[in-house]
Amino acid sequence: MRSKVVNLPGWNSLASAAKIHDWFEIAGIILVILLGFAEGVAYIYGQRKDALTEISEQKQKLPRTLSEKQKQTLIAELTPYQGQKASIQTLMNASDGNTYGNDFREVLKSAHWDFDPGSMQVIVSGADVTGVRIEVNIDQKDDLPPAAIVLAKVLFDLGLIRENALFGSPGVPKDFIEIKIGSNDPSLIRN
């Protein structure tokens, strides 16, 4: 019986086999060096990711507040809509909802909006609300209150809501704006 011999390029030449061996040995050393470099970079970025995650979690635990600049911007933009009917609801999942809601109450009061200054905590069934959500009557999608459009735009421009959008709700009276304050939205954490 004959054994089958592998026949690769340079297989039968001592000089070719030695040359190919040297090249693959060098390639192996280069790959080991690249592997070590890649592991080092992965370690450094892993440490940075962990540090940023910790910072983000710490910021999430801090109670949200409106800065004086944000308050003044909101007041300036909302004052032309004096008398606008609104309510502020803080959701049970928002541990800082009352303090954040008080900042919004202060803004609405200064803008002379018509709202119940009392605090209302509610439980929302269904999807969890994060951040601030502006709701209007669902039947007004073609005739939105102008103040709601401005409120959403200003909150978005200030980085306080994720998207410049209004949400329709059958429970909101016509020409009324409901501001819901849910849990802290991690996508809105600013440095």
Protein backbone atom coordinates (compact mmCIF):
# COMPACT_ATOMS: atom_id res chain seq x y z
CA MET A 1 0.00 0.00 0.00
CA ARG A 2 1.23 3.43 -0.87
CA SER A 3 0.80 6.27 1.58
CA LYS A 4 -0.56 9.50 0.21
CA VAL A 5 1.87 12.38 0.59
CA VAL A 6 0.72 15.98 0.83
CA ASN A 7 2.10 18.03 -2.03
CA LEU A 8 2.22 21.75 -1.21
CA PRO A 9 4.15 24.52 -2.99
CA GLY A 10 7.87 24.18 -2.28
CA TRP A 11 7.24 20.79 -0.64
CA ASN A 12 10.06 18.96 -2.36
CA SER A 13 12.69 21.73 -2.19
CA LEU A 14 14.79 22.27 0.91
CA ALA A 15 15.38 25.94 0.09
CA SER A 16 11.67 26.60 -0.62
CA ALA A 17 10.50 24.74 2.50
CA ALA A 18 12.99 26.68 4.66
CA LYS A 19 11.89 30.01 3.15
CA ILE A 20 8.17 29.26 3.60
CA HIS A 21 8.85 28.09 7.17
CA ASP A 22 10.63 31.38 7.96
CA TRP A 23 7.79 33.48 6.53
CA PHE A 24 5.12 31.63 8.51
CA GLU A 25 7.22 31.84 11.68
CA ILE A 26 7.51 35.63 11.21
CA ALA A 27 3.77 35.84 10.45
CA GLY A 28 3.03 33.87 13.64
CA ILE A 29 5.17 36.24 15.72
CA ILE A 30 3.43 39.27 14.14
CA LEU A 31 0.02 37.76 14.87
CA VAL A 32 0.99 37.11 18.50
CA ILE A 33 2.14 40.75 18.81
CA LEU A 34 -1.13 41.98 17.20
CA LEU A 35 -3.13 39.74 19.53
CA GLY A 36 -1.31 41.19 22.54
CA PHE A 37 -1.91 44.74 21.26
CA ALA A 38 -5.61 44.03 20.62
CA GLU A 39 -6.00 42.57 24.12
CA GLY A 40 -4.29 45.63 25.63
CA VAL A 41 -6.57 48.04 23.77
CA ALA A 42 -9.64 45.94 24.67
CA TYR A 43 -8.61 46.05 28.34
CA ILE A 44 -8.15 49.85 28.31
CA TYR A 45 -11.51 50.44 26.60
CA GLY A 46 -13.19 47.94 28.91
CA GLN A 47 -11.96 49.93 31.90
CA ARG A 48 -13.23 53.16 30.31
CA LYS A 49 -16.63 51.60 29.57
CA ASP A 50 -16.95 50.48 33.20
CA ALA A 51 -16.02 53.96 34.45
CA LEU A 52 -18.56 55.65 32.14
CA THR A 53 -21.25 53.15 33.18
CA GLU A 54 -20.61 53.97 36.83
CA ILE A 55 -20.77 57.72 36.14
CA SER A 56 -24.02 57.27 34.21
CA GLU A 57 -25.57 55.25 37.04
CA GLN A 58 -24.53 57.87 39.59
CA LYS A 59 -26.03 60.66 37.47
CA GLN A 60 -29.25 58.68 37.14
CA LYS A 61 -29.56 58.58 40.92
CA LEU A 62 -29.27 62.36 41.21
CA PRO A 63 -32.64 64.12 41.33
CA ARG A 64 -33.51 65.94 38.13
CA THR A 65 -33.97 69.69 38.24
CA LEU A 66 -34.45 72.46 35.75
CA SER A 67 -31.55 74.90 35.65
CA GLU A 68 -32.31 78.61 35.93
CA LYS A 69 -31.47 79.00 32.23
CA GLN A 70 -33.89 76.19 31.30
CA LYS A 71 -36.61 77.75 33.47
CA GLN A 72 -36.12 81.18 31.91
CA THR A 73 -36.15 79.74 28.39
CA LEU A 74 -39.36 77.81 29.09
CA ILE A 75 -41.04 80.83 30.68
CA ALA A 76 -40.09 83.06 27.74
CA GLU A 77 -41.41 80.57 25.18
CA LEU A 78 -44.60 79.63 27.08
CA THR A 79 -45.74 83.07 28.30
CA PRO A 80 -47.37 83.95 24.94
CA TYR A 81 -49.82 81.10 25.67
CA GLN A 82 -51.10 82.50 28.98
CA GLY A 83 -54.25 80.78 30.20
CA GLN A 84 -53.37 77.44 28.57
CA LYS A 85 -54.97 74.64 30.58
CA ALA A 86 -52.49 72.03 31.78
CA SER A 87 -51.77 69.48 34.47
CA ILE A 88 -48.60 67.90 35.78
CA GLN A 89 -48.64 64.26 36.80
CA THR A 90 -45.70 62.57 38.45
CA LEU A 91 -45.65 58.85 37.97
CA MET A 92 -45.02 56.48 40.85
CA ASN A 93 -41.90 55.13 39.08
CA ALA A 94 -40.24 58.57 39.29
CA SER A 95 -38.42 58.79 42.61
CA ASP A 96 -37.57 62.44 41.90
CA GLY A 97 -40.89 63.20 40.23
CA ASN A 98 -42.24 65.58 42.86
CA THR A 99 -39.15 67.80 42.94
CA TYR A 100 -38.89 67.80 39.14
CA GLY A 101 -42.64 68.41 38.89
CA ASN A 102 -42.30 71.39 41.23
CA ASP A 103 -39.79 72.93 38.81
CA PHE A 104 -42.36 72.58 36.02
CA ARG A 105 -45.11 74.00 38.25
CA GLU A 106 -42.92 77.04 38.93
CA VAL A 107 -42.41 77.51 35.17
CA LEU A 108 -46.14 77.19 34.34
CA LYS A 109 -47.07 79.55 37.15
CA SER A 110 -44.55 82.14 35.90
CA ALA A 111 -45.86 81.71 32.33
CA HIS A 112 -49.42 82.31 33.66
CA TRP A 113 -50.81 78.98 32.54
CA ASP A 114 -54.05 77.65 34.04
CA PHE A 115 -53.14 74.53 36.01
CA ASP A 116 -53.81 72.77 39.27
CA PRO A 117 -50.76 73.59 41.42
CA GLY A 118 -51.29 70.48 43.55
CA SER A 119 -49.19 67.36 43.15
CA MET A 120 -50.76 64.36 41.54
CA GLN A 121 -49.03 61.00 41.61
CA VAL A 122 -50.45 58.38 39.30
CA ILE A 123 -49.77 54.79 38.38
CA VAL A 124 -49.64 54.13 34.67
CA SER A 125 -50.60 50.71 33.37
CA GLY A 126 -49.01 49.43 30.19
CA ALA A 127 -45.72 50.83 28.95
CA ASP A 128 -43.47 52.48 31.50
CA VAL A 129 -43.04 56.21 30.95
CA THR A 130 -39.50 57.51 31.16
CA GLY A 131 -38.50 61.14 31.11
CA VAL A 132 -41.06 63.84 30.41
CA ARG A 133 -44.03 63.10 28.16
CA ILE A 134 -46.42 65.69 26.71
CA GLU A 135 -49.95 64.39 26.09
CA VAL A 136 -52.90 65.99 24.31
CA ASN A 137 -56.38 64.78 23.39
CA ILE A 138 -56.08 61.96 20.87
CA ASP A 139 -58.87 63.42 18.70
CA GLN A 140 -56.91 66.66 18.19
CA LYS A 141 -54.17 65.20 15.99
CA ASP A 142 -55.15 67.56 13.17
CA ASP A 143 -55.76 70.55 15.46
CA LEU A 144 -53.05 70.43 18.12
CA PRO A 145 -52.91 73.17 20.74
CA PRO A 146 -50.13 75.57 19.59
CA ALA A 147 -48.81 75.76 23.15
CA ALA A 148 -48.28 71.98 23.16
CA ILE A 149 -46.26 72.16 19.95
CA VAL A 150 -44.07 74.94 21.37
CA LEU A 151 -43.68 73.14 24.72
CA ALA A 152 -42.50 69.93 23.02
CA LYS A 153 -40.07 71.83 20.77
CA VAL A 154 -38.54 73.80 23.63
CA LEU A 155 -38.19 70.71 25.85
CA PHE A 156 -36.52 68.89 22.95
CA ASP A 157 -34.20 71.81 22.18
CA LEU A 158 -33.20 71.93 25.86
CA GLY A 159 -32.44 68.20 25.83
CA LEU A 160 -35.22 67.40 28.31
CA ILE A 161 -37.16 65.01 26.05
CA ARG A 162 -35.86 62.38 23.63
CA GLU A 163 -37.91 63.43 20.62
CA ASN A 164 -39.92 66.46 19.56
CA ALA A 165 -43.26 64.68 19.82
CA LEU A 166 -46.69 64.85 21.39
CA PHE A 167 -48.64 61.81 22.52
CA GLY A 168 -52.38 61.38 22.05
CA SER A 169 -54.44 60.16 24.97
CA PRO A 170 -58.22 59.68 25.14
CA GLY A 171 -58.18 60.74 28.81
CA VAL A 172 -56.86 64.25 28.14
CA PRO A 173 -59.59 66.88 27.65
CA LYS A 174 -59.70 68.85 24.39
CA ASP A 175 -57.35 71.88 24.27
CA PHE A 176 -55.63 70.61 27.42
CA ILE A 177 -51.95 69.68 27.92
CA GLU A 178 -50.93 66.96 30.32
CA ILE A 179 -47.27 66.81 31.39
CA LYS A 180 -46.29 63.38 32.71
CA ILE A 181 -43.04 62.98 34.58
CA GLY A 182 -41.74 59.44 34.60
CA SER A 183 -38.52 57.82 35.70
CA ASN A 184 -35.18 59.29 34.71
CA ASP A 185 -34.39 58.66 31.02
CA PRO A 186 -30.78 57.45 30.81
CA SER A 187 -30.51 58.52 27.17
CA LEU A 188 -30.92 62.15 28.27
CA ILE A 189 -28.11 62.26 30.82
CA ARG A 190 -25.93 65.21 29.96
CA ASN A 191 -22.33 65.80 31.00
